Amino acid sequence: MIVEFTRAHIRMTFEEKTVTVGGEGLLPGFDSPDFVIYSNTITHFDAPDFTPIDAPTRARILDELARLLIARNTRFKIE
């Protein structure tokens, strides 16, 4: 579930933990995505856990985030 969506990040819950995914909101139109996701910002879960995130977990987080954004009709790009 997405719990916060700003111009600079998306905060979401994943497997009962919270993770902040950095990115950049773009102006609508101009054939650009609504939000660019910076996958390299997914390094650890948020407080109070702070558990590091490995590559397979990062991929699952990105899959879940993509599913949630598609459900919201949000155009995005993952970098």
PDB file of N, CA and C in Angstrom:
ATOM      1  N   MET A   1       0.841  -1.170   0.000  1.00  0.00           N
ATOM      2  CA  MET A   1       0.000   0.000   0.000  1.00  0.00           C
ATOM      3  C   MET A   1       0.893   1.243   0.000  1.00  0.00           C
ATOM      4  N   ILE A   2       0.544   2.211  -0.833  1.00  0.00           N
ATOM      5  CA  ILE A   2       1.258   3.489  -0.842  1.00  0.00           C
ATOM      6  C   ILE A   2       0.708   4.327   0.302  1.00  0.00           C
ATOM      7  N   VAL A   3       1.593   4.787   1.181  1.00  0.00           N
ATOM      8  CA  VAL A   3       1.152   5.584   2.324  1.00  0.00           C
ATOM      9  C   VAL A   3       1.510   7.061   2.174  1.00  0.00           C
ATOM     10  N   GLU A   4       2.437   7.372   1.262  1.00  0.00           N
ATOM     11  CA  GLU A   4       2.803   8.771   1.021  1.00  0.00           C
ATOM     12  C   GLU A   4       3.368   8.878  -0.389  1.00  0.00           C
ATOM     13  N   PHE A   5       2.940   9.911  -1.113  1.00  0.00           N
ATOM     14  CA  PHE A   5       3.385  10.120  -2.488  1.00  0.00           C
ATOM     15  C   PHE A   5       3.744  11.595  -2.604  1.00  0.00           C
ATOM     16  N   THR A   6       5.029  11.918  -2.757  1.00  0.00           N
ATOM     17  CA  THR A   6       5.463  13.305  -2.876  1.00  0.00           C
ATOM     18  C   THR A   6       6.201  13.488  -4.202  1.00  0.00           C
ATOM     19  N   ARG A   7       6.691  14.681  -4.443  1.00  0.00           N
ATOM     20  CA  ARG A   7       7.464  14.938  -5.663  1.00  0.00           C
ATOM     21  C   ARG A   7       8.833  14.266  -5.632  1.00  0.00           C
ATOM     22  N   ALA A   8       9.299  13.859  -4.443  1.00  0.00           N
ATOM     23  CA  ALA A   8      10.648  13.311  -4.320  1.00  0.00           C
ATOM     24  C   ALA A   8      10.714  11.855  -3.871  1.00  0.00           C
ATOM     25  N   HIS A   9       9.607  11.291  -3.428  1.00  0.00           N
ATOM     26  CA  HIS A   9       9.632   9.895  -2.996  1.00  0.00           C
ATOM     27  C   HIS A   9       8.227   9.308  -2.896  1.00  0.00           C
ATOM     28  N   ILE A  10       8.214   7.992  -2.827  1.00  0.00           N
ATOM     29  CA  ILE A  10       6.983   7.252  -2.535  1.00  0.00           C
ATOM     30  C   ILE A  10       7.291   6.389  -1.322  1.00  0.00           C
ATOM     31  N   ARG A  11       6.461   6.483  -0.302  1.00  0.00           N
ATOM     32  CA  ARG A  11       6.612   5.630   0.878  1.00  0.00           C
ATOM     33  C   ARG A  11       5.509   4.579   0.803  1.00  0.00           C
ATOM     34  N   MET A  12       5.901   3.325   0.997  1.00  0.00           N
ATOM     35  CA  MET A  12       4.937   2.240   0.876  1.00  0.00           C
ATOM     36  C   MET A  12       5.182   1.185   1.936  1.00  0.00           C
ATOM     37  N   THR A  13       4.154   0.398   2.199  1.00  0.00           N
ATOM     38  CA  THR A  13       4.331  -0.743   3.082  1.00  0.00           C
ATOM     39  C   THR A  13       4.604  -1.956   2.211  1.00  0.00           C
ATOM     40  N   PHE A  14       5.477  -2.810   2.714  1.00  0.00           N
ATOM     41  CA  PHE A  14       5.841  -4.034   2.010  1.00  0.00           C
ATOM     42  C   PHE A  14       6.140  -5.085   3.058  1.00  0.00           C
ATOM     43  N   GLU A  15       5.361  -6.154   3.040  1.00  0.00           N
ATOM     44  CA  GLU A  15       5.523  -7.241   4.012  1.00  0.00           C
ATOM     45  C   GLU A  15       5.589  -6.709   5.450  1.00  0.00           C
ATOM     46  N   GLU A  16       4.637  -5.858   5.782  1.00  0.00           N
ATOM     47  CA  GLU A  16       4.466  -5.290   7.118  1.00  0.00           C
ATOM     48  C   GLU A  16       5.595  -4.359   7.561  1.00  0.00           C
ATOM     49  N   LYS A  17       6.413  -3.901   6.622  1.00  0.00           N
ATOM     50  CA  LYS A  17       7.454  -2.917   6.909  1.00  0.00           C
ATOM     51  C   LYS A  17       7.224  -1.731   5.984  1.00  0.00           C
ATOM     52  N   THR A  18       7.873  -0.622   6.289  1.00  0.00           N
ATOM     53  CA  THR A  18       7.750   0.572   5.458  1.00  0.00           C
ATOM     54  C   THR A  18       9.073   0.821   4.754  1.00  0.00           C
ATOM     55  N   VAL A  19       8.976   1.204   3.486  1.00  0.00           N
ATOM     56  CA  VAL A  19      10.166   1.520   2.700  1.00  0.00           C
ATOM     57  C   VAL A  19       9.901   2.803   1.921  1.00  0.00           C
ATOM     58  N   THR A  20      10.920   3.652   1.839  1.00  0.00           N
ATOM     59  CA  THR A  20      10.836   4.887   1.064  1.00  0.00           C
ATOM     60  C   THR A  20      11.633   4.708  -0.219  1.00  0.00           C
ATOM     61  N   VAL A  21      10.975   4.967  -1.341  1.00  0.00           N
ATOM     62  CA  VAL A  21      11.592   4.824  -2.656  1.00  0.00           C
ATOM     63  C   VAL A  21      11.772   6.220  -3.234  1.00  0.00           C
ATOM     64  N   GLY A  22      13.004   6.608  -3.460  1.00  0.00           N
ATOM     65  CA  GLY A  22      13.289   7.929  -4.010  1.00  0.00           C
ATOM     66  C   GLY A  22      12.902   8.013  -5.475  1.00  0.00           C
ATOM     67  N   GLY A  23      12.632   9.218  -5.902  1.00  0.00           N
ATOM     68  CA  GLY A  23      12.275   9.418  -7.299  1.00  0.00           C
ATOM     69  C   GLY A  23      12.036  10.881  -7.580  1.00  0.00           C
ATOM     70  N   GLU A  24      11.355  11.130  -8.675  1.00  0.00           N
ATOM     71  CA  GLU A  24      11.128  12.507  -9.084  1.00  0.00           C
ATOM     72  C   GLU A  24       9.796  12.604  -9.821  1.00  0.00           C
ATOM     73  N   GLY A  25       8.932  13.462  -9.320  1.00  0.00           N
ATOM     74  CA  GLY A  25       7.678  13.736 -10.008  1.00  0.00           C
ATOM     75  C   GLY A  25       7.932  14.714 -11.142  1.00  0.00           C
ATOM     76  N   LEU A  26       7.331  14.467 -12.281  1.00  0.00           N
ATOM     77  CA  LEU A  26       7.536  15.311 -13.459  1.00  0.00           C
ATOM     78  C   LEU A  26       6.244  16.020 -13.831  1.00  0.00           C
ATOM     79  N   LEU A  27       6.358  17.072 -14.616  1.00  0.00           N
ATOM     80  CA  LEU A  27       5.185  17.798 -15.079  1.00  0.00           C
ATOM     81  C   LEU A  27       4.349  16.904 -15.979  1.00  0.00           C
ATOM     82  N   PRO A  28       3.038  16.981 -15.862  1.00  0.00           N
ATOM     83  CA  PRO A  28       2.192  16.165 -16.725  1.00  0.00           C
ATOM     84  C   PRO A  28       2.330  16.586 -18.189  1.00  0.00           C
ATOM     85  N   GLY A  29       2.122  15.620 -19.053  1.00  0.00           N
ATOM     86  CA  GLY A  29       2.189  15.910 -20.485  1.00  0.00           C
ATOM     87  C   GLY A  29       3.594  15.722 -21.027  1.00  0.00           C
ATOM     88  N   PHE A  30       3.843  16.260 -22.188  1.00  0.00           N
ATOM     89  CA  PHE A  30       5.153  16.203 -22.846  1.00  0.00           C
ATOM     90  C   PHE A  30       5.626  14.757 -23.071  1.00  0.00           C
ATOM     91  N   ASP A  31       4.710  13.785 -23.060  1.00  0.00           N
ATOM     92  CA  ASP A  31       5.040  12.368 -23.220  1.00  0.00           C
ATOM     93  C   ASP A  31       6.050  11.858 -22.209  1.00  0.00           C
ATOM     94  N   SER A  32       6.090  12.460 -21.039  1.00  0.00           N
ATOM     95  CA  SER A  32       6.990  12.007 -19.981  1.00  0.00           C
ATOM     96  C   SER A  32       6.193  11.219 -18.952  1.00  0.00           C
ATOM     97  N   PRO A  33       6.881  10.374 -18.179  1.00  0.00           N
ATOM     98  CA  PRO A  33       6.165   9.679 -17.102  1.00  0.00           C
ATOM     99  C   PRO A  33       5.755  10.671 -16.022  1.00  0.00           C
ATOM    100  N   ASP A  34       4.804  10.265 -15.200  1.00  0.00           N
ATOM    101  CA  ASP A  34       4.391  11.099 -14.073  1.00  0.00           C
ATOM    102  C   ASP A  34       5.432  11.062 -12.957  1.00  0.00           C
ATOM    103  N   PHE A  35       6.132   9.914 -12.859  1.00  0.00           N
ATOM    104  CA  PHE A  35       7.090   9.745 -11.769  1.00  0.00           C
ATOM    105  C   PHE A  35       8.226   8.844 -12.244  1.00  0.00           C
ATOM    106  N   VAL A  36       9.459   9.243 -11.946  1.00  0.00           N
ATOM    107  CA  VAL A  36      10.633   8.420 -12.223  1.00  0.00           C
ATOM    108  C   VAL A  36      11.076   7.813 -10.900  1.00  0.00           C
ATOM    109  N   ILE A  37      11.189   6.494 -10.871  1.00  0.00           N
ATOM    110  CA  ILE A  37      11.599   5.769  -9.675  1.00  0.00           C
ATOM    111  C   ILE A  37      13.093   5.492  -9.761  1.00  0.00           C
ATOM    112  N   TYR A  38      13.828   5.874  -8.724  1.00  0.00           N
ATOM    113  CA  TYR A  38      15.271   5.605  -8.675  1.00  0.00           C
ATOM    114  C   TYR A  38      15.486   4.340  -7.850  1.00  0.00           C
ATOM    115  N   SER A  39      15.658   3.222  -8.545  1.00  0.00           N
ATOM    116  CA  SER A  39      15.732   1.927  -7.860  1.00  0.00           C
ATOM    117  C   SER A  39      16.927   1.826  -6.913  1.00  0.00           C
ATOM    118  N   ASN A  40      17.993   2.584  -7.193  1.00  0.00           N
ATOM    119  CA  ASN A  40      19.175   2.516  -6.317  1.00  0.00           C
ATOM    120  C   ASN A  40      18.953   3.161  -4.952  1.00  0.00           C
ATOM    121  N   THR A  41      17.798   3.793  -4.754  1.00  0.00           N
ATOM    122  CA  THR A  41      17.500   4.386  -3.444  1.00  0.00           C
ATOM    123  C   THR A  41      16.859   3.380  -2.493  1.00  0.00           C
ATOM    124  N   ILE A  42      16.548   2.195  -2.999  1.00  0.00           N
ATOM    125  CA  ILE A  42      15.917   1.163  -2.171  1.00  0.00           C
ATOM    126  C   ILE A  42      17.041   0.363  -1.517  1.00  0.00           C
ATOM    127  N   THR A  43      17.492   0.815  -0.365  1.00  0.00           N
ATOM    128  CA  THR A  43      18.655   0.203   0.286  1.00  0.00           C
ATOM    129  C   THR A  43      18.341  -0.419   1.642  1.00  0.00           C
ATOM    130  N   HIS A  44      17.335   0.106   2.334  1.00  0.00           N
ATOM    131  CA  HIS A  44      16.972  -0.408   3.658  1.00  0.00           C
ATOM    132  C   HIS A  44      15.522  -0.025   3.973  1.00  0.00           C
ATOM    133  N   PHE A  45      14.932  -0.760   4.903  1.00  0.00           N
ATOM    134  CA  PHE A  45      13.587  -0.420   5.355  1.00  0.00           C
ATOM    135  C   PHE A  45      13.667   0.782   6.290  1.00  0.00           C
ATOM    136  N   ASP A  46      12.541   1.464   6.429  1.00  0.00           N
ATOM    137  CA  ASP A  46      12.472   2.649   7.286  1.00  0.00           C
ATOM    138  C   ASP A  46      12.486   2.248   8.766  1.00  0.00           C
ATOM    139  N   ALA A  47      12.632   3.254   9.627  1.00  0.00           N
ATOM    140  CA  ALA A  47      12.615   3.066  11.079  1.00  0.00           C
ATOM    141  C   ALA A  47      11.308   2.411  11.486  1.00  0.00           C
ATOM    142  N   PRO A  48      11.291   1.633  12.488  1.00  0.00           N
ATOM    143  CA  PRO A  48      12.378   1.342  13.428  1.00  0.00           C
ATOM    144  C   PRO A  48      13.235   0.149  13.002  1.00  0.00           C
ATOM    145  N   ASP A  49      12.963  -0.409  11.837  1.00  0.00           N
ATOM    146  CA  ASP A  49      13.612  -1.657  11.414  1.00  0.00           C
ATOM    147  C   ASP A  49      15.022  -1.455  10.869  1.00  0.00           C
ATOM    148  N   PHE A  50      15.177  -0.630   9.839  1.00  0.00           N
ATOM    149  CA  PHE A  50      16.448  -0.336   9.167  1.00  0.00           C
ATOM    150  C   PHE A  50      17.159  -1.569   8.600  1.00  0.00           C
ATOM    151  N   THR A  51      16.420  -2.654   8.350  1.00  0.00           N
ATOM    152  CA  THR A  51      17.018  -3.852   7.763  1.00  0.00           C
ATOM    153  C   THR A  51      17.480  -3.552   6.337  1.00  0.00           C
ATOM    154  N   PRO A  52      18.699  -3.950   5.969  1.00  0.00           N
ATOM    155  CA  PRO A  52      19.150  -3.770   4.581  1.00  0.00           C
ATOM    156  C   PRO A  52      18.273  -4.560   3.614  1.00  0.00           C
ATOM    157  N   ILE A  53      18.158  -4.057   2.396  1.00  0.00           N
ATOM    158  CA  ILE A  53      17.345  -4.693   1.364  1.00  0.00           C
ATOM    159  C   ILE A  53      18.282  -5.272   0.309  1.00  0.00           C
ATOM    160  N   ASP A  54      18.169  -6.576   0.073  1.00  0.00           N
ATOM    161  CA  ASP A  54      19.001  -7.228  -0.935  1.00  0.00           C
ATOM    162  C   ASP A  54      18.342  -7.112  -2.317  1.00  0.00           C
ATOM    163  N   ALA A  55      19.066  -7.530  -3.350  1.00  0.00           N
ATOM    164  CA  ALA A  55      18.590  -7.382  -4.733  1.00  0.00           C
ATOM    165  C   ALA A  55      17.279  -8.113  -5.004  1.00  0.00           C
ATOM    166  N   PRO A  56      17.091  -9.373  -4.552  1.00  0.00           N
ATOM    167  CA  PRO A  56      15.809 -10.024  -4.805  1.00  0.00           C
ATOM    168  C   PRO A  56      14.626  -9.318  -4.124  1.00  0.00           C
ATOM    169  N   THR A  57      14.840  -8.821  -2.919  1.00  0.00           N
ATOM    170  CA  THR A  57      13.779  -8.088  -2.219  1.00  0.00           C
ATOM    171  C   THR A  57      13.501  -6.772  -2.929  1.00  0.00           C
ATOM    172  N   ARG A  58      14.552  -6.093  -3.392  1.00  0.00           N
ATOM    173  CA  ARG A  58      14.382  -4.841  -4.139  1.00  0.00           C
ATOM    174  C   ARG A  58      13.515  -5.094  -5.379  1.00  0.00           C
ATOM    175  N   ALA A  59      13.768  -6.187  -6.071  1.00  0.00           N
ATOM    176  CA  ALA A  59      12.982  -6.515  -7.265  1.00  0.00           C
ATOM    177  C   ALA A  59      11.517  -6.747  -6.911  1.00  0.00           C
ATOM    178  N   ARG A  60      11.261  -7.421  -5.805  1.00  0.00           N
ATOM    179  CA  ARG A  60       9.876  -7.658  -5.377  1.00  0.00           C
ATOM    180  C   ARG A  60       9.195  -6.349  -4.979  1.00  0.00           C
ATOM    181  N   ILE A  61       9.940  -5.460  -4.318  1.00  0.00           N
ATOM    182  CA  ILE A  61       9.394  -4.145  -3.957  1.00  0.00           C
ATOM    183  C   ILE A  61       9.029  -3.376  -5.223  1.00  0.00           C
ATOM    184  N   LEU A  62       9.910  -3.379  -6.209  1.00  0.00           N
ATOM    185  CA  LEU A  62       9.637  -2.668  -7.456  1.00  0.00           C
ATOM    186  C   LEU A  62       8.440  -3.265  -8.189  1.00  0.00           C
ATOM    187  N   ASP A  63       8.311  -4.577  -8.172  1.00  0.00           N
ATOM    188  CA  ASP A  63       7.143  -5.225  -8.793  1.00  0.00           C
ATOM    189  C   ASP A  63       5.851  -4.783  -8.109  1.00  0.00           C
ATOM    190  N   GLU A  64       5.870  -4.775  -6.782  1.00  0.00           N
ATOM    191  CA  GLU A  64       4.681  -4.359  -6.033  1.00  0.00           C
ATOM    192  C   GLU A  64       4.374  -2.881  -6.274  1.00  0.00           C
ATOM    193  N   LEU A  65       5.400  -2.036  -6.281  1.00  0.00           N
ATOM    194  CA  LEU A  65       5.187  -0.613  -6.533  1.00  0.00           C
ATOM    195  C   LEU A  65       4.626  -0.398  -7.937  1.00  0.00           C
ATOM    196  N   ALA A  66       5.145  -1.116  -8.915  1.00  0.00           N
ATOM    197  CA  ALA A  66       4.627  -1.004 -10.284  1.00  0.00           C
ATOM    198  C   ALA A  66       3.144  -1.383 -10.320  1.00  0.00           C
ATOM    199  N   ARG A  67       2.792  -2.469  -9.654  1.00  0.00           N
ATOM    200  CA  ARG A  67       1.392  -2.899  -9.604  1.00  0.00           C
ATOM    201  C   ARG A  67       0.502  -1.809  -9.007  1.00  0.00           C
ATOM    202  N   LEU A  68       0.970  -1.203  -7.909  1.00  0.00           N
ATOM    203  CA  LEU A  68       0.189  -0.155  -7.243  1.00  0.00           C
ATOM    204  C   LEU A  68       0.048   1.083  -8.122  1.00  0.00           C
ATOM    205  N   LEU A  69       1.115   1.472  -8.815  1.00  0.00           N
ATOM    206  CA  LEU A  69       1.055   2.657  -9.669  1.00  0.00           C
ATOM    207  C   LEU A  69       0.182   2.420 -10.897  1.00  0.00           C
ATOM    208  N   ILE A  70       0.234   1.219 -11.461  1.00  0.00           N
ATOM    209  CA  ILE A  70      -0.637   0.892 -12.592  1.00  0.00           C
ATOM    210  C   ILE A  70      -2.098   0.973 -12.167  1.00  0.00           C
ATOM    211  N   ALA A  71      -2.405   0.491 -10.968  1.00  0.00           N
ATOM    212  CA  ALA A  71      -3.778   0.558 -10.457  1.00  0.00           C
ATOM    213  C   ALA A  71      -4.254   2.001 -10.292  1.00  0.00           C
ATOM    214  N   ARG A  72      -3.316   2.922 -10.076  1.00  0.00           N
ATOM    215  CA  ARG A  72      -3.651   4.346  -9.935  1.00  0.00           C
ATOM    216  C   ARG A  72      -3.597   5.092 -11.266  1.00  0.00           C
ATOM    217  N   ASN A  73      -3.322   4.383 -12.359  1.00  0.00           N
ATOM    218  CA  ASN A  73      -3.154   5.002 -13.682  1.00  0.00           C
ATOM    219  C   ASN A  73      -2.029   6.027 -13.682  1.00  0.00           C
ATOM    220  N   THR A  74      -0.978   5.740 -12.934  1.00  0.00           N
ATOM    221  CA  THR A  74       0.195   6.614 -12.876  1.00  0.00           C
ATOM    222  C   THR A  74       1.241   6.100 -13.842  1.00  0.00           C
ATOM    223  N   ARG A  75       1.672   6.953 -14.755  1.00  0.00           N
ATOM    224  CA  ARG A  75       2.742   6.558 -15.681  1.00  0.00           C
ATOM    225  C   ARG A  75       4.074   6.722 -14.966  1.00  0.00           C
ATOM    226  N   PHE A  76       4.931   5.713 -15.061  1.00  0.00           N
ATOM    227  CA  PHE A  76       6.199   5.751 -14.330  1.00  0.00           C
ATOM    228  C   PHE A  76       7.296   5.125 -15.158  1.00  0.00           C
ATOM    229  N   LYS A  77       8.510   5.412 -14.734  1.00  0.00           N
ATOM    230  CA  LYS A  77       9.707   4.840 -15.345  1.00  0.00           C
ATOM    231  C   LYS A  77      10.625   4.437 -14.199  1.00  0.00           C
ATOM    232  N   ILE A  78      11.231   3.267 -14.312  1.00  0.00           N
ATOM    233  CA  ILE A  78      12.168   2.805 -13.288  1.00  0.00           C
ATOM    234  C   ILE A  78      13.575   2.933 -13.831  1.00  0.00           C
ATOM    235  N   GLU A  79      14.409   3.629 -13.100  1.00  0.00           N
ATOM    236  CA  GLU A  79      15.823   3.772 -13.474  1.00  0.00           C
ATOM    237  C   GLU A  79      16.702   3.152 -12.431  1.00  0.00           C
TER     238      GLU A  79
END
